[in-house]
């Protein structure tokens, strides 16, 4: 599979929405680094941003 991004464990960073230090992904509304809880709070946006990051959609 060829993709733009990859899924792997990362060093904890500060969530750009709630401020907690956790493993984050660039799936926020404007590509912000968000924690799992913030990502799950808006599943439509998270799915869109994940597809954009991983597959360039």
C-alpha atoms as a PDB file:
ATOM      1  CA  UNK A   1       0.000   0.000   0.000  1.00  0.00           C
ATOM      2  CA  UNK A   2       1.344   3.395  -0.938  1.00  0.00           C
ATOM      3  CA  UNK A   3       0.238   6.311   1.249  1.00  0.00           C
ATOM      4  CA  UNK A   4       1.228   9.819   2.279  1.00  0.00           C
ATOM      5  CA  UNK A   5       1.260   9.164   6.015  1.00  0.00           C
ATOM      6  CA  UNK A   6       1.844   6.246   8.288  1.00  0.00           C
ATOM      7  CA  UNK A   7       0.296   4.917  11.462  1.00  0.00           C
ATOM      8  CA  UNK A   8       2.756   4.386  14.297  1.00  0.00           C
ATOM      9  CA  UNK A   9       3.174   5.132  17.998  1.00  0.00           C
ATOM     10  CA  UNK A  10       4.520   8.633  18.651  1.00  0.00           C
ATOM     11  CA  UNK A  11       6.017  10.555  21.561  1.00  0.00           C
ATOM     12  CA  UNK A  12       3.322  12.266  23.672  1.00  0.00           C
ATOM     13  CA  UNK A  13       2.654  15.855  22.605  1.00  0.00           C
ATOM     14  CA  UNK A  14       0.275  18.567  23.782  1.00  0.00           C
ATOM     15  CA  UNK A  15      -3.191  18.277  22.226  1.00  0.00           C
ATOM     16  CA  UNK A  16      -3.859  21.534  20.394  1.00  0.00           C
ATOM     17  CA  UNK A  17      -7.536  21.447  21.393  1.00  0.00           C
ATOM     18  CA  UNK A  18      -7.692  20.380  25.063  1.00  0.00           C
ATOM     19  CA  UNK A  19      -4.050  20.795  26.121  1.00  0.00           C
ATOM     20  CA  UNK A  20      -3.513  17.310  27.574  1.00  0.00           C
ATOM     21  CA  UNK A  21      -0.179  15.580  26.895  1.00  0.00           C
ATOM     22  CA  UNK A  22      -0.888  12.371  24.970  1.00  0.00           C
ATOM     23  CA  UNK A  23      -0.193  10.591  21.720  1.00  0.00           C
ATOM     24  CA  UNK A  24      -1.638  12.900  19.052  1.00  0.00           C
ATOM     25  CA  UNK A  25      -2.541  12.787  15.379  1.00  0.00           C
ATOM     26  CA  UNK A  26      -3.007  15.649  12.852  1.00  0.00           C
ATOM     27  CA  UNK A  27      -6.756  15.041  12.583  1.00  0.00           C
ATOM     28  CA  UNK A  28      -8.124  18.285  14.068  1.00  0.00           C
ATOM     29  CA  UNK A  29     -10.477  20.556  12.095  1.00  0.00           C
ATOM     30  CA  UNK A  30      -7.557  22.510  10.604  1.00  0.00           C
ATOM     31  CA  UNK A  31      -4.942  19.756  10.832  1.00  0.00           C
ATOM     32  CA  UNK A  32      -4.200  20.394  14.515  1.00  0.00           C
ATOM     33  CA  UNK A  33      -2.519  17.667  16.558  1.00  0.00           C
ATOM     34  CA  UNK A  34      -5.323  16.143  18.643  1.00  0.00           C
ATOM     35  CA  UNK A  35      -5.525  13.444  21.310  1.00  0.00           C
ATOM     36  CA  UNK A  36      -7.758  10.383  20.968  1.00  0.00           C
ATOM     37  CA  UNK A  37     -10.584  11.876  23.048  1.00  0.00           C
ATOM     38  CA  UNK A  38     -10.719  15.101  21.013  1.00  0.00           C
ATOM     39  CA  UNK A  39     -10.524  13.118  17.789  1.00  0.00           C
ATOM     40  CA  UNK A  40     -13.446  10.940  18.838  1.00  0.00           C
ATOM     41  CA  UNK A  41     -15.532  14.002  19.794  1.00  0.00           C
ATOM     42  CA  UNK A  42     -15.971  14.881  16.090  1.00  0.00           C
ATOM     43  CA  UNK A  43     -15.851  11.653  14.110  1.00  0.00           C
ATOM     44  CA  UNK A  44     -16.777  13.187  10.743  1.00  0.00           C
ATOM     45  CA  UNK A  45     -13.911  15.702  10.829  1.00  0.00           C
ATOM     46  CA  UNK A  46     -11.476  13.113  12.190  1.00  0.00           C
ATOM     47  CA  UNK A  47     -12.343  10.642   9.425  1.00  0.00           C
ATOM     48  CA  UNK A  48     -11.976  13.350   6.770  1.00  0.00           C
ATOM     49  CA  UNK A  49      -8.610  14.545   8.117  1.00  0.00           C
ATOM     50  CA  UNK A  50      -7.303  10.977   8.581  1.00  0.00           C
ATOM     51  CA  UNK A  51      -8.162  10.084   4.970  1.00  0.00           C
ATOM     52  CA  UNK A  52      -6.560  13.313   3.776  1.00  0.00           C
ATOM     53  CA  UNK A  53      -3.395  12.594   5.792  1.00  0.00           C
ATOM     54  CA  UNK A  54      -3.115   8.895   4.960  1.00  0.00           C
ATOM     55  CA  UNK A  55      -4.391   8.758   1.382  1.00  0.00           C
ATOM     56  CA  UNK A  56      -4.340  12.337   0.066  1.00  0.00           C
ATOM     57  CA  UNK A  57      -8.131  12.400  -0.376  1.00  0.00           C
END
